[in-house]
Amino acid sequence: MHGGYEARNLKTFRSKEPAFQGPSKAGGREDLGNGRLLRPRCSQSWKRRTMPDTQDIFLIDGTGFLSASQKSFLGASLLVVDGEDQTFLFGVIRDVLRLRQMLGINRGVFVVGEEAHQVTTDANVEKTIAFLKQLGIAVVQDSHICVLDLCVGLATLVTHLVTHEQSLVQFAKDGHRVILLDKEDIEVLTSETVISRFSVTPDSVPAFLALTSGPAHSVLTKREAIAVLQQPGDLAVKIADPSVLASRQIRNKLKANGDVILRRLKQLSPSGRCPCLHINPNQLEVDIDNDDNRWLLTAHGFHSLRRLLPRPTKVPPIPQATKQRSPNYQGIATEADLRRIVEELKTSQCCAVDTESSGKDPHSAELFGVSIACKHGEAFYIPTLEQDLKGVEGGRTMAVLRNLFAGPIKVFGHNLKYDYVLLRRNGINIVNIGFDTMLAAYDCFGDSDFLNLQYLAKRLLGRVIKAHKDVVCTGHSLLELPLPDVVHYACEHAEVTLQLAGILQQELAHREIEYQYRTETLPMVKTLGDWECDGIALDLDRLRSVRDSLVDRASRAKEAVIGRV
């Protein structure tokens, strides 16, 4: 239904406004694929509850549900009832009812914009809308307005926006939460988590995606995009005059692809054609557990979906919009800073370290600094280059590090052999190697495809941290970044390593392999590191003798073969 309006006990909208279909009532084989149960995740604190909050109103972007059903069945007629193919409709209704149970949706509205007609047929769209209306689920639909603009019109009404579309993350502000669906799980985003994930505010998400998504030749790296957005002014102004940007590479990209980027930005931003929809929240009740709907599902052959009709009673927790305490990361630059850190480290039994350098080879890389974490949520970065210090010679920081690691403190690290070799090359010897999270992860999860710090942080801590490639462009180094950025990057790695060490020690004990790890695996850090630095003593005379003997035997064997031929 395009442009029309039909509902129960609702006032009529102007004909140009989107159609709002409120709840109404109308009078075997399945289940077609189980789908995958999505698991909610969020880096915020979680609030347990046994009943959904009756004040929550969910806006459900229908585009992803229509697209998923179209892609799942590809038009195949797998469920035909009374000569009518119900396959596509079954896929959409199944996913919507599952989502209702999963999130505890008691009030909500299903939104269908012009994108729906791009992912499936008009007939499928109309059939879905009509069925949802029969079930008693409210629908806002307009085939000439995009979902983004419809969301703007409904923003003051709803508390949660459920979508498969990343660009709608821009609505995660002013107390709203965006529930982003993907193939494996659900991510609940608030303003704080958007900043943590994208390093930009929700309002800047359209510009960020315009710069970083699209054909490879026309996009910037995430780091470059953030550098552009950190400059004051609109993106269009910066594209028109990129001279305000320090990087020549970024300026050239903006000059070459400015028109493409601006077109993407227009597509990802509200058009201004955003209708203000005045809907009574009481008309959004999802009260569908009744005999009429049980009959309706049965008549369409959707027998297994009847169990999804009851009102949700126990639902997964929804994260509260509480602000987490920011980590305390410090750069050490003065003599007073050094003395304070030395006193703090004297009382610590262990610390996690991460070295920052110019390359991957510890035998040739230049040491830039060392980050150290002794407590969760806290870390500090000690530069070793005088350009990053204030009134302190580089030799002074090296002496502090040398004395620290020569003492009894247990040193943790991730791929600690790299740090061990790099520091030893610079005259700093780690005496007490306490834990290597990479080696522990290998002993615990040896069949895993990845053991890098980013993977383990996400898997074991639920944290997303940046890799070197995310902060440094190809062909560049950390020295080209502002020092505060280096401090945060380095300290975060050290602090995450400290947290992982605690979890992996428990995992080793649980698997009853901690003794093996301590006696066989961990000692190899020092053994291999020393071999790399000192080399391995060889008896050259003995090697020459063995070589000559082998050459002689090979020569005689060759002559014997020739003689027989």
Protein backbone atom coordinates (compact mmCIF):
# COMPACT_ATOMS: atom_id res chain seq x y z
CA MET A 1 0.00 0.00 0.00
CA HIS A 2 1.60 3.24 -1.13
CA GLY A 3 0.55 6.58 0.25
CA GLY A 4 -2.69 5.24 1.76
CA TYR A 5 -3.57 4.97 5.42
CA GLU A 6 -5.54 2.34 7.26
CA ALA A 7 -5.61 1.72 10.98
CA ARG A 8 -7.88 1.17 13.91
CA ASN A 9 -9.00 4.24 15.88
CA LEU A 10 -6.26 6.46 14.44
CA LYS A 11 -6.46 9.91 12.93
CA THR A 12 -5.85 10.17 9.19
CA PHE A 13 -2.52 11.56 7.99
CA ARG A 14 -2.16 13.83 4.99
CA SER A 15 -1.89 11.82 1.80
CA LYS A 16 1.75 12.78 1.26
CA GLU A 17 2.86 11.33 4.58
CA PRO A 18 4.03 7.73 4.98
CA ALA A 19 1.37 5.12 5.48
CA PHE A 20 1.00 3.95 9.06
CA GLN A 21 -0.70 0.58 9.37
CA GLY A 22 -1.76 0.05 12.95
CA PRO A 23 -2.85 -3.28 14.37
CA SER A 24 -5.90 -4.94 12.88
CA LYS A 25 -7.28 -8.46 12.94
CA ALA A 26 -8.35 -10.87 10.27
CA GLY A 27 -10.00 -13.69 10.72
CA GLY A 28 2.23 -27.99 6.43
CA ARG A 29 5.43 -27.94 6.26
CA GLU A 30 8.18 -25.87 7.77
CA ASP A 31 10.60 -24.89 9.51
CA LEU A 32 12.54 -23.54 6.52
CA GLY A 33 16.03 -23.22 7.95
CA ASN A 34 16.77 -22.52 11.54
CA GLY A 35 18.70 -19.33 11.00
CA ARG A 36 21.29 -18.41 13.60
CA LEU A 37 20.37 -17.19 17.04
CA LEU A 38 22.09 -13.88 17.51
CA ARG A 39 23.81 -13.13 20.78
CA PRO A 40 23.70 -9.62 22.23
CA ARG A 41 27.03 -8.01 23.02
CA CYS A 42 28.10 -4.61 24.16
CA SER A 43 31.05 -3.09 25.96
CA GLN A 44 28.71 -1.31 28.37
CA SER A 45 27.52 -2.59 31.73
CA TRP A 46 24.50 -4.89 31.59
CA LYS A 47 21.28 -4.70 33.56
CA ARG A 48 19.56 -8.01 34.30
CA ARG A 49 15.81 -7.98 34.10
CA THR A 50 13.05 -10.58 33.98
CA MET A 51 10.50 -8.40 32.19
CA PRO A 52 11.07 -6.02 29.27
CA ASP A 53 10.84 -2.33 30.10
CA THR A 54 7.32 -1.31 29.13
CA GLN A 55 8.61 2.16 28.21
CA ASP A 56 10.93 0.81 25.49
CA ILE A 57 9.71 1.35 21.93
CA PHE A 58 11.61 -0.41 19.15
CA LEU A 59 11.86 0.85 15.58
CA ILE A 60 12.58 -2.16 13.37
CA ASP A 61 14.17 -1.40 10.00
CA GLY A 62 12.49 -3.96 7.75
CA THR A 63 15.00 -3.77 4.89
CA GLY A 64 17.42 -6.29 6.34
CA PHE A 65 14.67 -8.81 7.13
CA LEU A 66 13.26 -8.63 3.60
CA SER A 67 16.74 -8.90 2.09
CA ALA A 68 17.71 -11.86 4.30
CA SER A 69 14.62 -13.86 3.31
CA GLN A 70 15.17 -13.08 -0.37
CA LYS A 71 18.80 -14.23 -0.19
CA SER A 72 18.02 -17.30 1.91
CA PHE A 73 15.43 -18.85 -0.39
CA LEU A 74 16.30 -17.23 -3.77
CA GLY A 75 12.71 -17.50 -4.90
CA ALA A 76 12.48 -21.25 -4.28
CA SER A 77 8.97 -22.51 -3.50
CA LEU A 78 9.65 -24.55 -0.37
CA LEU A 79 6.38 -23.87 1.47
CA VAL A 80 3.23 -23.93 -0.66
CA VAL A 81 -0.17 -23.84 1.05
CA ASP A 82 -3.40 -24.05 -0.97
CA GLY A 83 -1.45 -23.37 -4.13
CA GLU A 84 0.19 -20.19 -2.80
CA ASP A 85 3.92 -19.90 -2.14
CA GLN A 86 4.50 -18.74 1.45
CA THR A 87 8.27 -19.32 1.56
CA PHE A 88 9.44 -15.70 1.49
CA LEU A 89 6.79 -14.56 3.96
CA PHE A 90 7.68 -17.36 6.36
CA GLY A 91 11.34 -16.26 6.44
CA VAL A 92 10.48 -12.65 7.31
CA ILE A 93 7.82 -13.44 9.94
CA ARG A 94 10.04 -16.08 11.57
CA ASP A 95 12.92 -13.63 11.96
CA VAL A 96 10.70 -10.81 13.25
CA LEU A 97 9.02 -13.00 15.86
CA ARG A 98 12.37 -14.41 16.98
CA LEU A 99 13.72 -10.89 17.34
CA ARG A 100 10.69 -9.94 19.44
CA GLN A 101 11.36 -12.81 21.84
CA MET A 102 15.08 -12.15 21.93
CA LEU A 103 14.87 -8.44 22.73
CA GLY A 104 11.61 -8.53 24.68
CA ILE A 105 9.78 -6.22 22.28
CA ASN A 106 6.36 -5.34 23.69
CA ARG A 107 6.00 -2.07 21.78
CA GLY A 108 7.42 -1.42 18.35
CA VAL A 109 6.92 -0.37 14.75
CA PHE A 110 8.12 -2.09 11.56
CA VAL A 111 9.46 0.48 9.07
CA VAL A 112 9.54 -0.10 5.31
CA GLY A 113 11.11 2.49 3.01
CA GLU A 114 12.04 2.71 -0.64
CA GLU A 115 15.01 0.35 -0.14
CA ALA A 116 12.63 -2.57 0.41
CA HIS A 117 11.63 -2.52 -3.25
CA GLN A 118 15.31 -2.77 -4.22
CA VAL A 119 15.93 -6.02 -2.30
CA THR A 120 12.79 -7.97 -3.22
CA THR A 121 9.65 -7.74 -5.34
CA ASP A 122 6.82 -5.30 -4.76
CA ALA A 123 4.51 -8.28 -4.24
CA ASN A 124 6.70 -9.64 -1.44
CA VAL A 125 6.80 -6.23 0.26
CA GLU A 126 3.03 -5.78 0.13
CA LYS A 127 2.39 -9.33 1.27
CA THR A 128 4.68 -8.87 4.27
CA ILE A 129 3.08 -5.56 5.28
CA ALA A 130 -0.41 -7.03 5.04
CA PHE A 131 0.53 -10.04 7.16
CA LEU A 132 2.22 -7.96 9.87
CA LYS A 133 -0.89 -5.81 10.00
CA GLN A 134 -3.05 -8.90 10.43
CA LEU A 135 -0.82 -10.08 13.27
CA GLY A 136 -1.24 -6.77 15.05
CA ILE A 137 2.21 -5.28 14.46
CA ALA A 138 2.27 -1.58 13.52
CA VAL A 139 3.89 -0.65 10.21
CA VAL A 140 5.12 2.67 8.80
CA GLN A 141 5.65 2.38 5.06
CA ASP A 142 6.43 4.68 2.15
CA SER A 143 7.89 3.53 -1.14
CA HIS A 144 9.21 7.00 -1.98
CA ILE A 145 11.09 7.83 1.24
CA CYS A 146 14.24 6.10 2.46
CA VAL A 147 14.37 4.36 5.83
CA LEU A 148 16.88 6.93 7.09
CA ASP A 149 14.36 9.76 6.64
CA LEU A 150 11.56 7.69 8.18
CA CYS A 151 13.80 7.06 11.19
CA VAL A 152 14.32 10.80 11.59
CA GLY A 153 10.55 11.27 11.61
CA LEU A 154 10.13 8.64 14.33
CA ALA A 155 13.22 9.48 16.39
CA THR A 156 11.35 11.31 19.15
CA LEU A 157 8.97 8.38 19.59
CA VAL A 158 11.31 5.38 19.88
CA THR A 159 14.05 4.36 22.31
CA HIS A 160 15.75 1.62 20.24
CA LEU A 161 16.48 1.29 16.53
CA VAL A 162 17.02 -2.24 15.21
CA THR A 163 18.80 -2.44 11.86
CA HIS A 164 21.23 -4.33 9.65
CA GLU A 165 22.49 -1.04 8.17
CA GLN A 166 25.68 0.39 9.68
CA SER A 167 24.97 3.97 8.60
CA LEU A 168 21.97 4.13 10.97
CA VAL A 169 24.42 4.02 13.87
CA GLN A 170 24.24 7.81 13.59
CA PHE A 171 21.03 7.60 15.69
CA ALA A 172 22.91 6.26 18.74
CA LYS A 173 22.68 9.56 20.61
CA ASP A 174 20.37 11.53 22.90
CA GLY A 175 19.63 8.39 24.91
CA HIS A 176 18.79 6.24 21.87
CA ARG A 177 20.39 2.84 21.37
CA VAL A 178 21.03 1.27 17.99
CA ILE A 179 20.87 -2.52 17.88
CA LEU A 180 23.05 -3.54 14.95
CA LEU A 181 22.39 -7.02 13.55
CA ASP A 182 24.90 -9.07 11.60
CA LYS A 183 25.35 -12.72 10.69
CA GLU A 184 26.73 -13.82 14.04
CA ASP A 185 25.52 -11.57 16.82
CA ILE A 186 23.85 -8.39 17.98
CA GLU A 187 25.78 -5.27 18.95
CA VAL A 188 24.03 -2.68 21.11
CA LEU A 189 25.50 0.74 20.49
CA THR A 190 25.22 3.92 22.52
CA SER A 191 26.95 7.23 21.94
CA GLU A 192 29.93 6.09 24.03
CA THR A 193 30.36 2.77 22.23
CA VAL A 194 30.13 4.45 18.82
CA ILE A 195 33.01 6.72 19.79
CA SER A 196 34.97 3.72 21.07
CA ARG A 197 34.39 1.71 17.90
CA PHE A 198 34.66 4.37 15.19
CA SER A 199 36.66 7.07 17.00
CA VAL A 200 34.02 9.60 15.89
CA THR A 201 30.73 10.81 17.36
CA PRO A 202 27.42 9.45 16.02
CA ASP A 203 26.83 12.71 14.12
CA SER A 204 30.09 12.13 12.21
CA VAL A 205 29.29 8.52 11.24
CA PRO A 206 27.90 9.46 7.77
CA ALA A 207 31.05 11.42 6.92
CA PHE A 208 33.27 8.66 8.33
CA LEU A 209 31.54 5.98 6.24
CA ALA A 210 31.56 8.22 3.16
CA LEU A 211 35.34 8.46 3.48
CA THR A 212 36.04 4.80 4.30
CA SER A 213 33.47 2.75 2.34
CA GLY A 214 33.17 2.25 -1.40
CA PRO A 215 35.51 1.22 -4.25
CA ALA A 216 39.07 0.71 -3.06
CA HIS A 217 40.48 3.50 -5.21
CA SER A 218 38.15 6.10 -3.70
CA VAL A 219 38.40 5.43 0.03
CA LEU A 220 40.64 6.62 2.81
CA THR A 221 42.01 4.49 5.60
CA LYS A 222 40.28 4.79 8.96
CA ARG A 223 43.23 6.70 10.30
CA GLU A 224 43.15 9.14 7.38
CA ALA A 225 39.39 9.62 7.74
CA ILE A 226 39.73 10.46 11.43
CA ALA A 227 42.48 12.96 10.61
CA VAL A 228 40.14 14.66 8.11
CA LEU A 229 37.21 14.77 10.52
CA GLN A 230 39.32 16.14 13.36
CA GLN A 231 39.85 19.31 11.35
CA PRO A 232 37.11 21.91 11.96
CA GLY A 233 34.52 22.52 9.27
CA ASP A 234 32.18 20.52 7.06
CA LEU A 235 33.53 17.69 4.95
CA ALA A 236 32.41 19.46 1.76
CA VAL A 237 34.47 22.51 2.71
CA LYS A 238 37.56 20.40 3.39
CA ILE A 239 37.16 18.59 0.07
CA ALA A 240 36.84 21.92 -1.74
CA ASP A 241 39.97 23.23 0.01
CA PRO A 242 42.10 20.34 1.33
CA SER A 243 45.05 22.64 2.05
CA VAL A 244 44.07 22.63 5.74
CA LEU A 245 45.22 18.99 5.91
CA ALA A 246 48.89 18.33 6.61
CA SER A 247 49.15 15.02 4.75
CA ARG A 248 49.83 15.32 1.03
CA GLN A 249 48.51 11.78 0.52
CA ILE A 250 45.16 12.69 2.08
CA ARG A 251 44.95 15.92 0.09
CA ASN A 252 45.54 14.03 -3.15
CA LYS A 253 42.87 11.44 -2.32
CA LEU A 254 40.31 14.13 -1.56
CA LYS A 255 41.10 15.99 -4.78
CA ALA A 256 40.83 12.83 -6.89
CA ASN A 257 37.71 11.38 -5.26
CA GLY A 258 35.93 14.37 -3.75
CA ASP A 259 32.83 14.10 -5.95
CA VAL A 260 32.42 10.38 -5.22
CA ILE A 261 32.84 10.93 -1.47
CA LEU A 262 30.27 13.74 -1.44
CA ARG A 263 27.76 11.58 -3.32
CA ARG A 264 28.23 8.85 -0.71
CA LEU A 265 27.82 11.42 2.07
CA LYS A 266 24.52 12.58 0.55
CA GLN A 267 23.24 8.99 0.44
CA LEU A 268 24.22 8.38 4.07
CA SER A 269 22.74 11.60 5.47
CA PRO A 270 19.10 12.65 6.05
CA SER A 271 17.68 14.33 2.97
CA GLY A 272 15.53 16.88 4.76
CA ARG A 273 12.39 15.13 3.50
CA CYS A 274 11.84 13.72 6.96
CA PRO A 275 8.15 13.58 7.90
CA CYS A 276 7.15 14.25 11.49
CA LEU A 277 4.96 11.29 12.40
CA HIS A 278 2.60 11.83 15.31
CA ILE A 279 1.75 8.35 16.55
CA ASN A 280 0.24 7.44 19.88
CA PRO A 281 2.69 5.06 21.65
CA ASN A 282 -0.26 3.03 22.89
CA GLN A 283 -0.97 2.06 19.29
CA LEU A 284 2.41 0.32 19.11
CA GLU A 285 1.62 -2.46 21.57
CA VAL A 286 2.68 -5.85 20.19
CA ASP A 287 -0.12 -7.91 21.74
CA ILE A 288 -0.28 -10.86 19.36
CA ASP A 289 -0.88 -13.90 21.59
CA ASN A 290 -4.47 -14.74 20.69
CA ASP A 291 -6.54 -17.39 18.93
CA ASP A 292 -6.91 -15.31 15.76
CA ASN A 293 -3.15 -15.24 15.25
CA ARG A 294 -2.74 -18.91 16.05
CA TRP A 295 -5.31 -19.62 13.36
CA LEU A 296 -3.59 -17.16 10.99
CA LEU A 297 -0.20 -18.86 11.34
CA THR A 298 -1.75 -22.30 10.96
CA ALA A 299 -3.63 -21.25 7.82
CA HIS A 300 -0.35 -20.15 6.23
CA GLY A 301 1.46 -23.34 7.25
CA PHE A 302 3.60 -21.57 9.86
CA HIS A 303 2.91 -24.12 12.60
CA SER A 304 6.29 -23.82 14.35
CA LEU A 305 5.91 -20.05 14.72
CA ARG A 306 2.93 -20.36 17.05
CA ARG A 307 5.30 -20.90 19.98
CA LEU A 308 6.71 -17.39 19.36
CA LEU A 309 3.39 -15.60 19.94
CA PRO A 310 3.39 -15.35 23.78
CA ARG A 311 4.61 -12.12 25.32
CA PRO A 312 8.33 -12.29 26.21
CA THR A 313 8.85 -12.94 29.92
CA LYS A 314 12.60 -13.41 30.18
CA VAL A 315 14.87 -11.57 27.81
CA PRO A 316 18.61 -10.91 27.54
CA PRO A 317 19.77 -7.77 29.31
CA ILE A 318 19.86 -4.50 27.45
CA PRO A 319 22.89 -2.33 28.25
CA GLN A 320 22.20 0.80 30.18
CA ALA A 321 23.55 4.05 28.86
CA THR A 322 25.99 4.36 31.73
CA LYS A 323 29.33 5.92 31.07
CA GLN A 324 32.34 3.74 31.76
CA ARG A 325 35.33 5.10 33.58
CA SER A 326 37.90 6.15 31.02
CA PRO A 327 41.29 4.43 31.30
CA ASN A 328 44.10 6.40 32.85
CA TYR A 329 46.89 6.42 30.26
CA GLN A 330 49.85 8.73 30.85
CA GLY A 331 52.87 9.76 28.87
CA ILE A 332 56.04 10.12 30.96
CA ALA A 333 58.06 13.12 29.81
CA THR A 334 59.63 14.88 32.84
CA GLU A 335 62.02 13.94 35.61
CA ALA A 336 59.20 14.27 38.16
CA ASP A 337 57.12 11.81 36.14
CA LEU A 338 59.99 9.34 36.09
CA ARG A 339 60.58 9.52 39.84
CA ARG A 340 56.88 9.01 40.54
CA ILE A 341 56.70 5.97 38.27
CA VAL A 342 59.83 4.44 39.78
CA GLU A 343 58.28 4.65 43.26
CA GLU A 344 55.05 3.09 42.02
CA LEU A 345 56.86 0.21 40.32
CA LYS A 346 58.81 -0.59 43.47
CA THR A 347 55.59 -1.82 45.08
CA SER A 348 54.41 -3.84 42.06
CA GLN A 349 55.00 -7.56 41.78
CA CYS A 350 54.31 -7.75 38.06
CA CYS A 351 53.77 -5.56 35.02
CA ALA A 352 52.83 -5.95 31.37
CA VAL A 353 55.01 -4.28 28.77
CA ASP A 354 54.77 -3.42 25.10
CA THR A 355 57.59 -1.89 23.11
CA GLU A 356 57.03 0.57 20.25
CA SER A 357 59.56 0.60 17.46
CA SER A 358 60.18 1.31 13.80
CA GLY A 359 59.74 -2.21 12.44
CA LYS A 360 58.88 -5.87 12.85
CA ASP A 361 62.47 -7.14 13.05
CA PRO A 362 63.80 -6.64 16.60
CA HIS A 363 67.38 -6.96 15.30
CA SER A 364 67.13 -3.81 13.20
CA ALA A 365 64.18 -1.81 14.58
CA GLU A 366 64.71 1.46 16.46
CA LEU A 367 63.20 1.59 19.95
CA PHE A 368 60.74 4.49 20.37
CA GLY A 369 59.43 3.75 23.86
CA VAL A 370 57.97 1.24 26.30
CA SER A 371 54.45 1.11 27.73
CA ILE A 372 53.92 -0.48 31.15
CA ALA A 373 50.73 -1.52 32.96
CA CYS A 374 50.59 -2.64 36.59
CA LYS A 375 46.85 -2.15 37.24
CA HIS A 376 43.69 -2.66 35.23
CA GLY A 377 42.58 0.58 33.63
CA GLU A 378 45.97 2.25 34.09
CA ALA A 379 49.18 2.34 32.07
CA PHE A 380 51.99 4.73 31.20
CA TYR A 381 54.33 5.20 28.25
CA ILE A 382 58.03 5.96 28.67
CA PRO A 383 59.55 7.44 25.49
CA THR A 384 63.19 6.69 24.77
CA LEU A 385 63.69 9.42 22.15
CA GLU A 386 64.72 12.83 23.45
CA GLN A 387 62.31 14.58 21.05
CA ASP A 388 59.42 13.18 23.13
CA LEU A 389 60.95 14.17 26.49
CA LYS A 390 60.98 17.48 28.35
CA GLY A 391 64.29 18.22 30.01
CA VAL A 392 65.17 14.55 30.34
CA GLU A 393 67.91 12.84 28.38
CA GLY A 394 67.07 9.62 26.57
CA GLY A 395 69.82 7.89 28.51
CA ARG A 396 67.97 8.65 31.75
CA THR A 397 64.83 6.79 30.67
CA MET A 398 66.95 3.90 29.43
CA ALA A 399 68.63 3.69 32.84
CA VAL A 400 65.23 3.61 34.57
CA LEU A 401 64.06 0.78 32.32
CA ARG A 402 67.35 -1.08 32.76
CA ASN A 403 67.07 -0.98 36.56
CA LEU A 404 63.38 -1.90 36.50
CA PHE A 405 63.71 -5.02 34.36
CA ALA A 406 66.88 -6.14 36.16
CA GLY A 407 64.89 -6.35 39.41
CA PRO A 408 62.47 -8.94 40.79
CA ILE A 409 59.35 -7.62 39.05
CA LYS A 410 57.67 -10.23 36.83
CA VAL A 411 57.32 -9.04 33.25
CA PHE A 412 54.33 -10.01 31.11
CA GLY A 413 54.02 -9.47 27.37
CA HIS A 414 52.39 -10.59 24.15
CA ASN A 415 54.99 -12.17 21.87
CA LEU A 416 57.46 -11.24 24.58
CA LYS A 417 60.43 -12.60 22.66
CA TYR A 418 60.23 -9.59 20.34
CA ASP A 419 60.35 -7.17 23.28
CA TYR A 420 63.08 -9.22 24.96
CA VAL A 421 65.36 -9.10 21.90
CA LEU A 422 64.66 -5.44 21.11
CA LEU A 423 65.31 -4.32 24.69
CA ARG A 424 68.41 -6.45 25.03
CA ARG A 425 69.82 -4.90 21.85
CA ASN A 426 69.41 -1.57 23.64
CA GLY A 427 71.19 -2.73 26.79
CA ILE A 428 68.04 -3.61 28.77
CA ASN A 429 67.81 -7.19 30.00
CA ILE A 430 64.52 -8.67 31.25
CA VAL A 431 65.58 -10.93 34.12
CA ASN A 432 62.23 -12.22 35.36
CA ILE A 433 59.98 -13.32 32.49
CA GLY A 434 56.58 -13.90 34.08
CA PHE A 435 54.06 -14.58 31.29
CA ASP A 436 53.59 -14.49 27.53
CA THR A 437 49.94 -14.21 26.51
CA MET A 438 50.59 -15.30 22.92
CA LEU A 439 52.29 -18.53 24.01
CA ALA A 440 49.62 -19.18 26.64
CA ALA A 441 46.90 -18.69 24.03
CA TYR A 442 48.69 -21.14 21.75
CA ASP A 443 48.81 -23.79 24.48
CA CYS A 444 45.11 -23.20 25.25
CA PHE A 445 43.71 -22.59 21.77
CA GLY A 446 46.28 -24.08 19.43
CA ASP A 447 43.67 -24.72 16.74
CA SER A 448 42.72 -21.04 16.50
CA ASP A 449 43.45 -19.25 13.22
CA PHE A 450 44.53 -16.09 15.04
CA LEU A 451 46.48 -15.44 18.22
CA ASN A 452 47.16 -11.72 17.81
CA LEU A 453 46.38 -9.28 20.59
CA GLN A 454 43.35 -7.80 18.80
CA TYR A 455 41.72 -11.21 18.36
CA LEU A 456 42.33 -12.30 21.95
CA ALA A 457 41.10 -8.97 23.33
CA LYS A 458 37.83 -9.33 21.46
CA ARG A 459 37.41 -13.04 22.20
CA LEU A 460 38.32 -13.03 25.89
CA LEU A 461 37.64 -9.45 27.00
CA GLY A 462 34.99 -8.25 24.56
CA ARG A 463 37.22 -5.26 23.77
CA VAL A 464 38.03 -3.87 20.35
CA ILE A 465 41.55 -2.46 20.21
CA LYS A 466 43.46 -1.04 17.30
CA ALA A 467 46.22 -2.84 15.46
CA HIS A 468 49.35 -1.11 14.19
CA LYS A 469 47.90 -0.88 10.67
CA ASP A 470 44.85 0.95 12.05
CA VAL A 471 46.92 3.83 13.41
CA VAL A 472 49.85 3.94 10.99
CA CYS A 473 49.46 4.13 7.22
CA THR A 474 51.58 1.92 4.97
CA GLY A 475 55.07 3.33 4.57
CA HIS A 476 54.79 5.51 7.68
CA SER A 477 55.77 5.09 11.34
CA LEU A 478 54.54 5.96 14.82
CA LEU A 479 56.90 8.94 14.87
CA GLU A 480 54.56 10.73 12.46
CA LEU A 481 51.63 10.51 14.89
CA PRO A 482 50.89 13.03 17.64
CA LEU A 483 52.44 11.82 20.89
CA PRO A 484 49.05 11.55 22.70
CA ASP A 485 47.90 9.09 20.03
CA VAL A 486 51.04 7.00 20.49
CA VAL A 487 50.56 7.05 24.27
CA HIS A 488 46.98 5.79 24.02
CA TYR A 489 47.82 3.10 21.46
CA ALA A 490 50.82 1.78 23.40
CA CYS A 491 49.20 1.95 26.85
CA GLU A 492 46.07 0.19 25.64
CA HIS A 493 48.14 -2.73 24.37
CA ALA A 494 50.02 -3.05 27.66
CA GLU A 495 46.84 -2.80 29.75
CA VAL A 496 45.00 -5.37 27.62
CA THR A 497 47.98 -7.71 27.89
CA LEU A 498 47.81 -7.46 31.68
CA GLN A 499 44.10 -8.36 31.67
CA LEU A 500 44.63 -11.25 29.25
CA ALA A 501 47.39 -12.65 31.44
CA GLY A 502 44.97 -13.08 34.33
CA ILE A 503 42.36 -14.81 32.18
CA LEU A 504 44.84 -17.09 30.42
CA GLN A 505 46.46 -18.15 33.70
CA GLN A 506 43.04 -19.36 34.81
CA GLU A 507 42.52 -21.10 31.47
CA LEU A 508 45.85 -22.92 31.76
CA ALA A 509 44.93 -24.10 35.25
CA HIS A 510 41.47 -25.18 34.09
CA ARG A 511 43.00 -27.26 31.31
CA GLU A 512 45.59 -28.65 33.73
CA ILE A 513 48.49 -27.58 31.50
CA GLU A 514 49.94 -24.76 33.60
CA TYR A 515 52.93 -26.86 34.69
CA GLN A 516 53.71 -27.69 31.06
CA TYR A 517 53.44 -24.02 30.15
CA ARG A 518 55.69 -22.88 33.00
CA THR A 519 58.38 -25.54 32.53
CA GLU A 520 58.44 -26.03 28.76
CA THR A 521 56.75 -23.24 26.81
CA LEU A 522 57.55 -20.04 28.71
CA PRO A 523 61.31 -20.71 29.20
CA MET A 524 61.68 -20.71 25.40
CA VAL A 525 61.22 -16.91 25.40
CA LYS A 526 64.58 -16.37 27.08
CA THR A 527 66.28 -19.35 25.44
CA LEU A 528 65.37 -18.36 21.88
CA GLY A 529 65.87 -14.67 22.62
CA ASP A 530 69.39 -15.27 23.92
CA TRP A 531 70.20 -17.47 20.93
CA GLU A 532 69.07 -14.69 18.59
CA CYS A 533 71.21 -12.13 20.41
CA ASP A 534 74.28 -14.24 21.22
CA GLY A 535 74.15 -16.80 18.48
CA ILE A 536 74.79 -20.50 19.01
CA ALA A 537 78.34 -21.71 19.69
CA LEU A 538 79.53 -24.04 16.96
CA ASP A 539 82.64 -26.19 16.54
CA LEU A 540 83.67 -24.99 13.09
CA ASP A 541 86.46 -27.53 12.74
CA ARG A 542 84.01 -30.33 13.49
CA LEU A 543 81.52 -28.90 10.97
CA ARG A 544 84.20 -28.75 8.28
CA SER A 545 85.15 -32.35 9.02
CA VAL A 546 81.54 -33.49 8.72
CA ARG A 547 81.13 -31.52 5.52
CA ASP A 548 84.25 -33.03 3.96
CA SER A 549 83.13 -36.52 4.98
CA LEU A 550 79.71 -36.03 3.39
CA VAL A 551 81.24 -34.66 0.19
CA ASP A 552 83.56 -37.67 -0.01
CA ARG A 553 80.70 -40.14 0.55
CA ALA A 554 78.55 -38.43 -2.07
CA SER A 555 81.40 -38.54 -4.58
CA ARG A 556 82.02 -42.24 -4.01
CA ALA A 557 78.31 -43.01 -4.27
CA LYS A 558 78.15 -41.14 -7.56
CA GLU A 559 81.11 -43.07 -8.96
CA ALA A 560 79.54 -46.37 -7.87
CA VAL A 561 76.29 -45.56 -9.68
CA ILE A 562 78.16 -44.56 -12.84
CA GLY A 563 80.23 -47.75 -12.68
CA ARG A 564 77.12 -49.94 -12.57
CA VAL A 565 75.52 -48.16 -15.49
